[in-house]
Structure formats: C-alpha cells, structure tokens
Amino acid sequence: MMRNALRAGTRPEPWKRGPVLTALALLLGLVLLLHATITDHAGLGSLVENVLPWLGVFIPVLLAVACLRRSLSAVTALLLPAVVWTTLFGGLLRDKSHPGGDLTVATHNVGAANPDPTATAHALAASDAGLLALEELTPGATPLYDKTLAPLYPYHVVLGTVGLWSKLPLGAAHPIDIMNYGPLAATKPAAAKLPENRALRTTVTTPDGPLAVYVAHLGSVRLLPRTGFWTASRDIGAAALTKAVTADPSPRVLLLADLNGTWDDRAFNGLRAHLDSTQRTSGTGFGFTWPAAFPLARIDQILYRGVEANRSWTLPGTGSDHLPVAATLTW
C-alpha cells in the first residue's frame, strides 16, 4: 500500500502529463492553420496541401492516446486541430446539392492503359451528360471512343490527348499551350516534356447563350527521392490555364480537367480566384477520384463561373485509374 501511495505521489498532475502529445497536437493544428505559409522547397508545401484533409485522421488517434495517458493538456490542445479541420473541411460533409439543372457535364481521365475503351465509352454515355470531356486519349483508343459516342454526341473535337463530345453545337476549337509557360518552363526537365497538346478551348452553343469550355490535363507530379515532390510541369499548366481563364471575355466559363493536384494546392490559387469548384459548392463528401481502386485525392475537377452548380458527384469506375466526375449546371 505504501508503494502504491508513493507511485501515486510521484505521478504528474493531469495537466502536466503527455507533453509530447500536447506538442504534437499543437503542431498538427498549426500545420492545418498555416499550411499556406509552409515552404515549397522540394515541393513540401504543395505535398502537404494535397494530403491536407487526411491530416484529420491524426486527431482521433492522438485523442485516444491522450485519454489513455489521462493528459488534460493534450486533450485541450487537440481543440486547435479539431476546430481548424472542421472549419476547412466540415462543409464538405453535408449535402449541398439541390434539384434542377439545365445541363449535365462530365469529365474523365480515361487512362492511356485502359484495356477496354469501348466499355468505358458506353459507361460514360449512360451518364446522359450533355457535355463529355475526355483526357489522356491515345491515337489507338480515340476512334473507339468516337465510334461509340457518335450516336449520342453528334459534335466533338479532339486536339492531342484531350477531347470534348457534345450534344450541342460546338464552335471553333483551339489548343491552349500548357507545356511552355513563362519562367516556369525553364524549371522543367527535358525528360518531362509533354508529347502532345493537353488542353483546348471551344464554345458550346446553348439555348441560353454561348458557354466557353476548357478541357485540360495538367502535367503529372512525382515524389522523387532526390528532388522531393516535383510539380514543375503541373505548375506550368496551372499558370497557363489561369492566364487563359482570366483573359477569357466570356461571362460563362467551364473547365473540365484532370489537374493532377487537389483544389487546396497552392498551384491553383489563381484559378480559385476566378472559378468555383462544383464539388465544393454542390457536392457531398470529398468526392475523391484517384486512384480509382482506393480514392485518396480529388484531382479531377469541374470548375465554373457565370452559371450555378446544382449537383456534383462521382461516377462508377471504368477501366481507368481515375473515377469520372459529373455535375449539373443552371444558367
């Protein structure tokens, strides 16, 4: 009994227990709160922002350990990351969709290694989208998509590896150079040169007026042992798209894209200033799209301005490593 009393007397008070847990909780909260100020050396800031929602997983883990340690200081410190995470992402958990809509649109990185383009095309056609954007088209697969989609989509344009199929008339289309933009182009290794056009702009003629539509597939990112999170090619494309969208005189703009980065990534600060995300304004949940087998990130986006989004959702998987996404829009 004397020994137990001595042990109890030497234990720290609840507010003094778990100093390491308390420090970790505060650090987690500061990363969530100040992620935009994290250095982007070796792509660190961009990497953190791409996994930002998943940092919330550490909150219940730390809480469980803090309860086991009976550390009041750690439990209290966890209020910071809990409040910040809820502020950043809590709104995504509720259903923001509402009925109605004038036009359904969809976009899908169909995957260059897709084993069955015809089946993918049939699955996408079943979405009944009025506009259907496809990225990562290959010369061998494009005719198969065209043949399958042609009965439902009489209008289409393909430039390089991106294309748009439409039930509404299309105007002239032209490529958007997202491969060599400004001073960022000098940072791109020669081995990362993109082989073909990966972005286009066209105009869709609707009963309510013209709609400027962009289809884009930004460059890939790589987690490399020597250079860290390499994003140069993607960032070049993001800057070029931002310039094009900013200068576009059309009051109604739609961007259907594989951004190879989440909407929280600092590379899209410019786009966020000019476009809204259908997932953020009319979706339910996080709507992760990649990888299709176990989606961890929402890198496929439907972005807009000058219209309203009624609903946003992901479509069932195809033979691609991405999930398709769709949205309904109202003028």
Protein backbone atom coordinates (compact mmCIF):
# COMPACT_ATOMS: atom_id res chain seq x y z
CA MET A 1 0.00 0.00 0.00
CA MET A 2 2.87 2.30 0.89
CA ARG A 3 4.46 1.61 -2.52
CA ASN A 4 1.23 2.46 -4.39
CA ALA A 5 0.92 5.67 -2.42
CA LEU A 6 4.45 6.65 -3.32
CA ARG A 7 3.79 5.93 -7.02
CA ALA A 8 0.63 7.98 -6.95
CA GLY A 9 2.51 10.79 -5.30
CA THR A 10 5.19 10.84 -7.98
CA ARG A 11 2.80 10.82 -10.95
CA PRO A 12 2.46 14.20 -12.68
CA GLU A 13 -0.83 16.05 -12.47
CA PRO A 14 -3.26 15.55 -15.43
CA TRP A 15 -2.34 18.98 -16.84
CA LYS A 16 1.35 18.05 -16.84
CA ARG A 17 1.02 14.61 -18.38
CA GLY A 18 1.80 13.91 -22.05
CA PRO A 19 3.95 16.91 -23.02
CA VAL A 20 4.95 15.21 -26.26
CA LEU A 21 1.31 14.51 -27.12
CA THR A 22 0.45 18.11 -26.38
CA ALA A 23 3.25 19.34 -28.65
CA LEU A 24 2.13 17.01 -31.46
CA ALA A 25 -1.46 18.21 -31.15
CA LEU A 26 -0.39 21.85 -31.36
CA LEU A 27 1.91 21.11 -34.29
CA LEU A 28 -0.92 19.39 -36.15
CA GLY A 29 -3.16 22.37 -35.56
CA LEU A 30 -0.53 24.83 -36.75
CA VAL A 31 0.10 22.81 -39.95
CA LEU A 32 -3.62 22.87 -40.73
CA LEU A 33 -3.94 26.54 -39.85
CA LEU A 34 -0.77 27.82 -41.53
CA HIS A 35 -0.35 25.37 -44.41
CA ALA A 36 -0.20 28.23 -46.92
CA THR A 37 2.96 29.55 -45.26
CA ILE A 38 4.86 26.25 -45.35
CA THR A 39 7.90 26.49 -47.61
CA ASP A 40 7.53 24.94 -51.04
CA HIS A 41 11.17 23.91 -51.10
CA ALA A 42 11.28 20.44 -52.71
CA GLY A 43 7.51 20.77 -53.13
CA LEU A 44 6.85 20.37 -49.40
CA GLY A 45 4.06 22.94 -49.21
CA SER A 46 2.27 21.51 -52.23
CA LEU A 47 2.60 17.98 -50.88
CA VAL A 48 1.10 18.95 -47.52
CA GLU A 49 -1.83 20.69 -49.22
CA ASN A 50 -2.59 17.63 -51.35
CA VAL A 51 -2.97 15.46 -48.24
CA LEU A 52 -4.49 18.19 -46.07
CA PRO A 53 -7.89 16.50 -45.46
CA TRP A 54 -6.15 13.30 -44.35
CA LEU A 55 -4.34 15.12 -41.55
CA GLY A 56 -7.64 14.97 -39.71
CA VAL A 57 -7.10 11.24 -39.22
CA PHE A 58 -4.45 12.05 -36.62
CA ILE A 59 -6.96 13.90 -34.42
CA PRO A 60 -8.86 10.82 -33.11
CA VAL A 61 -5.59 8.87 -32.90
CA LEU A 62 -3.99 11.50 -30.69
CA LEU A 63 -7.21 11.84 -28.70
CA ALA A 64 -7.27 8.10 -27.94
CA VAL A 65 -3.66 8.16 -26.76
CA ALA A 66 -4.28 11.30 -24.70
CA CYS A 67 -7.22 9.63 -22.99
CA LEU A 68 -5.12 6.58 -22.20
CA ARG A 69 -2.46 8.84 -20.72
CA ARG A 70 -5.15 10.92 -18.99
CA SER A 71 -3.47 14.03 -20.30
CA LEU A 72 -5.79 17.01 -19.99
CA SER A 73 -3.24 19.27 -21.66
CA ALA A 74 -3.13 17.07 -24.79
CA VAL A 75 -6.93 16.79 -24.94
CA THR A 76 -7.22 20.56 -24.67
CA ALA A 77 -4.52 21.13 -27.29
CA LEU A 78 -6.44 18.90 -29.72
CA LEU A 79 -9.18 21.50 -29.82
CA LEU A 80 -6.97 23.56 -32.16
CA PRO A 81 -6.63 20.99 -35.00
CA ALA A 82 -10.23 19.85 -34.49
CA VAL A 83 -11.62 23.36 -34.92
CA VAL A 84 -9.33 24.22 -37.84
CA TRP A 85 -10.05 20.95 -39.69
CA THR A 86 -13.79 21.39 -39.20
CA THR A 87 -13.57 24.95 -40.49
CA LEU A 88 -11.63 23.86 -43.58
CA PHE A 89 -13.48 20.67 -44.49
CA GLY A 90 -16.57 20.31 -42.34
CA GLY A 91 -18.73 21.91 -45.01
CA LEU A 92 -17.81 19.16 -47.47
CA LEU A 93 -19.52 16.53 -45.32
CA ARG A 94 -23.03 17.91 -45.74
CA ASP A 95 -25.19 17.51 -48.83
CA LYS A 96 -25.11 20.77 -50.80
CA SER A 97 -26.96 19.52 -53.88
CA HIS A 98 -30.36 20.79 -54.92
CA PRO A 99 -32.77 19.72 -57.69
CA GLY A 100 -32.96 21.15 -61.17
CA GLY A 101 -30.35 21.94 -63.75
CA ASP A 102 -30.13 22.92 -67.41
CA LEU A 103 -27.05 20.93 -68.43
CA THR A 104 -25.22 17.86 -67.14
CA VAL A 105 -21.48 17.71 -67.81
CA ALA A 106 -18.89 15.03 -67.10
CA THR A 107 -15.14 14.65 -67.34
CA HIS A 108 -12.91 11.59 -67.18
CA ASN A 109 -9.24 10.78 -67.48
CA VAL A 110 -9.86 7.58 -69.40
CA GLY A 111 -6.31 6.29 -68.92
CA ALA A 112 -3.84 5.58 -71.68
CA ALA A 113 -3.60 1.98 -70.46
CA ASN A 114 -7.36 1.46 -70.36
CA PRO A 115 -7.93 -2.15 -71.52
CA ASP A 116 -11.47 -1.56 -72.81
CA PRO A 117 -12.14 1.93 -74.23
CA THR A 118 -15.44 0.81 -75.77
CA ALA A 119 -16.84 -0.29 -72.39
CA THR A 120 -15.66 2.97 -70.84
CA ALA A 121 -17.39 4.96 -73.56
CA HIS A 122 -20.66 3.06 -73.01
CA ALA A 123 -20.44 3.69 -69.27
CA LEU A 124 -19.87 7.42 -69.79
CA ALA A 125 -22.69 7.68 -72.32
CA ALA A 126 -25.04 6.19 -69.72
CA SER A 127 -24.45 9.28 -67.56
CA ASP A 128 -26.62 11.22 -70.02
CA ALA A 129 -24.21 14.13 -69.89
CA GLY A 130 -24.74 16.83 -72.49
CA LEU A 131 -21.00 17.56 -72.50
CA LEU A 132 -18.40 14.86 -72.04
CA ALA A 133 -14.69 15.71 -71.72
CA LEU A 134 -12.04 13.01 -72.02
CA GLU A 135 -8.38 13.27 -71.10
CA GLU A 136 -5.38 11.03 -71.80
CA LEU A 137 -6.67 9.92 -75.19
CA THR A 138 -4.36 7.80 -77.33
CA PRO A 139 -4.31 7.52 -81.13
CA GLY A 140 -5.43 3.91 -80.91
CA ALA A 141 -8.29 4.47 -78.48
CA THR A 142 -9.71 7.75 -79.80
CA PRO A 143 -11.50 6.16 -82.81
CA LEU A 144 -13.13 3.65 -80.46
CA TYR A 145 -14.47 6.42 -78.22
CA ASP A 146 -15.65 8.36 -81.25
CA LYS A 147 -17.44 5.36 -82.76
CA THR A 148 -19.23 4.53 -79.52
CA LEU A 149 -20.17 8.07 -78.57
CA ALA A 150 -21.09 9.37 -82.05
CA PRO A 151 -24.77 8.23 -81.97
CA LEU A 152 -25.42 10.31 -78.84
CA TYR A 153 -22.89 13.09 -79.37
CA PRO A 154 -23.04 14.49 -82.91
CA TYR A 155 -20.44 17.17 -82.18
CA HIS A 156 -16.93 16.55 -80.99
CA VAL A 157 -13.38 17.88 -81.12
CA VAL A 158 -10.09 16.19 -80.25
CA LEU A 159 -6.81 18.07 -80.02
CA GLY A 160 -3.87 15.96 -78.95
CA THR A 161 -4.76 13.92 -75.88
CA VAL A 162 -7.92 15.82 -74.85
CA GLY A 163 -11.36 15.88 -76.43
CA LEU A 164 -14.92 17.10 -75.95
CA TRP A 165 -18.07 15.29 -77.09
CA SER A 166 -21.26 17.37 -77.13
CA LYS A 167 -24.98 17.09 -77.79
CA LEU A 168 -24.94 20.82 -78.52
CA PRO A 169 -23.18 22.56 -81.42
CA LEU A 170 -19.53 23.45 -80.92
CA GLY A 171 -17.70 26.48 -82.22
CA ALA A 172 -14.10 26.65 -83.35
CA ALA A 173 -11.61 24.99 -81.04
CA HIS A 174 -8.01 25.93 -80.44
CA PRO A 175 -5.24 24.45 -78.27
CA ILE A 176 -4.04 26.02 -75.03
CA ASP A 177 -0.28 25.75 -74.60
CA ILE A 178 0.17 24.44 -71.06
CA MET A 179 3.61 22.97 -71.72
CA ASN A 180 5.83 26.05 -72.01
CA TYR A 181 4.61 28.98 -69.99
CA GLY A 182 6.76 31.83 -68.77
CA PRO A 183 9.79 31.46 -66.49
CA LEU A 184 8.41 28.22 -65.02
CA ALA A 185 9.19 26.44 -68.29
CA ALA A 186 12.89 26.72 -67.58
CA THR A 187 12.49 24.53 -64.49
CA LYS A 188 11.05 21.60 -66.43
CA PRO A 189 13.50 18.73 -67.12
CA ALA A 190 13.82 17.75 -70.78
CA ALA A 191 12.68 14.22 -69.92
CA ALA A 192 9.35 15.63 -68.71
CA LYS A 193 8.44 17.31 -72.00
CA LEU A 194 4.79 16.66 -72.71
CA PRO A 195 4.35 14.85 -76.04
CA GLU A 196 1.19 16.45 -77.40
CA ASN A 197 -1.40 19.13 -76.83
CA ARG A 198 -3.14 18.61 -73.49
CA ALA A 199 -5.63 21.48 -73.32
CA LEU A 200 -8.22 23.10 -75.58
CA ARG A 201 -10.86 25.80 -75.61
CA THR A 202 -14.08 25.80 -77.56
CA THR A 203 -17.53 27.38 -77.40
CA VAL A 204 -20.76 25.46 -76.87
CA THR A 205 -23.90 26.96 -78.34
CA THR A 206 -26.75 26.56 -75.85
CA PRO A 207 -30.37 27.80 -75.96
CA ASP A 208 -29.37 30.28 -73.28
CA GLY A 209 -26.28 31.63 -74.97
CA PRO A 210 -22.63 30.65 -75.54
CA LEU A 211 -20.58 28.75 -72.99
CA ALA A 212 -16.78 28.81 -73.13
CA VAL A 213 -15.46 25.33 -72.34
CA TYR A 214 -11.89 24.35 -71.49
CA VAL A 215 -10.67 20.76 -71.35
CA ALA A 216 -7.26 20.22 -69.78
CA HIS A 217 -4.91 17.56 -68.45
CA LEU A 218 -2.10 19.14 -66.47
CA GLY A 219 1.33 17.56 -66.20
CA SER A 220 1.94 14.79 -63.71
CA VAL A 221 3.60 15.23 -60.33
CA ARG A 222 6.28 12.93 -58.97
CA LEU A 223 7.54 12.10 -55.49
CA LEU A 224 11.27 11.66 -56.13
CA PRO A 225 13.95 10.67 -53.59
CA ARG A 226 16.39 13.44 -54.57
CA THR A 227 14.18 16.35 -55.56
CA GLY A 228 11.15 15.76 -53.33
CA PHE A 229 7.64 16.47 -54.64
CA TRP A 230 8.26 17.53 -58.24
CA THR A 231 5.43 19.69 -59.58
CA ALA A 232 7.08 21.92 -62.21
CA SER A 233 5.19 20.57 -65.22
CA ARG A 234 1.84 20.73 -63.41
CA ASP A 235 2.53 24.24 -62.18
CA ILE A 236 3.37 25.42 -65.69
CA GLY A 237 -0.03 24.19 -66.88
CA ALA A 238 -1.84 25.75 -63.93
CA ALA A 239 -0.26 29.14 -64.67
CA ALA A 240 -1.17 28.89 -68.37
CA LEU A 241 -4.77 27.92 -67.60
CA THR A 242 -5.06 30.76 -65.11
CA LYS A 243 -3.86 33.23 -67.73
CA ALA A 244 -6.33 31.89 -70.33
CA VAL A 245 -9.32 31.88 -67.97
CA THR A 246 -8.50 35.31 -66.61
CA ALA A 247 -8.31 36.80 -70.10
CA ASP A 248 -11.43 34.99 -71.40
CA PRO A 249 -14.15 37.58 -72.15
CA SER A 250 -16.98 35.05 -71.95
CA PRO A 251 -19.31 35.59 -69.00
CA ARG A 252 -19.86 31.82 -68.75
CA VAL A 253 -16.80 29.59 -68.44
CA LEU A 254 -16.49 25.88 -67.72
CA LEU A 255 -13.25 24.00 -67.06
CA LEU A 256 -13.25 20.19 -67.22
CA ALA A 257 -9.87 18.93 -66.14
CA ASP A 258 -7.51 16.47 -64.57
CA LEU A 259 -5.48 18.94 -62.52
CA ASN A 260 -3.06 16.39 -61.04
CA GLY A 261 -3.49 18.18 -57.74
CA THR A 262 -6.24 18.89 -55.23
CA TRP A 263 -8.19 22.13 -55.08
CA ASP A 264 -6.30 23.07 -51.89
CA ASP A 265 -2.94 23.04 -53.68
CA ARG A 266 -1.29 26.48 -53.86
CA ALA A 267 -0.68 25.93 -57.57
CA PHE A 268 -4.37 26.72 -58.10
CA ASN A 269 -4.56 29.96 -56.15
CA GLY A 270 -5.07 31.83 -59.41
CA LEU A 271 -7.80 29.50 -60.64
CA ARG A 272 -9.61 29.69 -57.30
CA ALA A 273 -9.75 33.46 -57.70
CA HIS A 274 -11.68 33.14 -60.98
CA LEU A 275 -13.54 29.81 -60.84
CA ASP A 276 -15.63 27.85 -58.36
CA SER A 277 -15.49 24.10 -57.77
CA THR A 278 -18.73 22.19 -58.27
CA GLN A 279 -17.61 19.71 -55.62
CA ARG A 280 -17.19 22.48 -53.05
CA THR A 281 -20.47 24.25 -53.87
CA SER A 282 -22.85 21.40 -54.75
CA GLY A 283 -21.23 18.07 -53.83
CA THR A 284 -21.49 15.69 -50.90
CA GLY A 285 -18.34 14.48 -49.20
CA PHE A 286 -14.82 14.80 -50.54
CA GLY A 287 -15.52 13.17 -53.94
CA PHE A 288 -12.06 11.61 -54.20
CA THR A 289 -11.27 10.40 -57.72
CA TRP A 290 -7.75 8.93 -57.67
CA PRO A 291 -6.62 6.19 -57.58
CA ALA A 292 -9.86 4.53 -58.63
CA ALA A 293 -9.21 1.35 -56.62
CA PHE A 294 -8.95 3.33 -53.37
CA PRO A 295 -9.52 7.05 -54.00
CA LEU A 296 -7.34 9.30 -51.85
CA ALA A 297 -7.45 12.66 -53.65
CA ARG A 298 -9.83 14.75 -55.72
CA ILE A 299 -7.64 15.68 -58.67
CA ASP A 300 -10.38 15.65 -61.35
CA GLN A 301 -12.44 18.82 -61.33
CA ILE A 302 -15.40 20.58 -62.88
CA LEU A 303 -14.91 24.32 -62.37
CA TYR A 304 -17.15 27.17 -63.47
CA ARG A 305 -18.11 30.82 -63.42
CA GLY A 306 -21.19 32.68 -64.66
CA VAL A 307 -23.50 29.70 -64.03
CA GLU A 308 -24.75 27.88 -60.92
CA ALA A 309 -23.99 24.32 -59.87
CA ASN A 310 -26.92 22.19 -58.72
CA ARG A 311 -25.20 18.89 -58.00
CA SER A 312 -21.77 17.25 -58.25
CA TRP A 313 -20.94 13.57 -57.93
CA THR A 314 -18.51 10.81 -58.95
CA LEU A 315 -19.50 8.14 -61.46
CA PRO A 316 -18.73 4.40 -61.15
CA GLY A 317 -15.25 3.26 -62.06
CA THR A 318 -14.25 2.24 -65.57
CA GLY A 319 -11.05 0.67 -66.83
CA SER A 320 -9.15 3.85 -65.91
CA ASP A 321 -7.19 4.57 -62.74
CA HIS A 322 -9.39 7.67 -62.28
CA LEU A 323 -13.08 7.93 -61.45
CA PRO A 324 -15.27 10.07 -63.73
CA VAL A 325 -16.97 13.12 -62.23
CA ALA A 326 -20.21 14.81 -63.26
CA ALA A 327 -22.20 17.92 -62.38
CA THR A 328 -25.45 19.63 -63.30
CA LEU A 329 -25.43 23.34 -64.06
CA THR A 330 -28.09 26.05 -64.26
CA TRP A 331 -27.86 29.26 -66.20
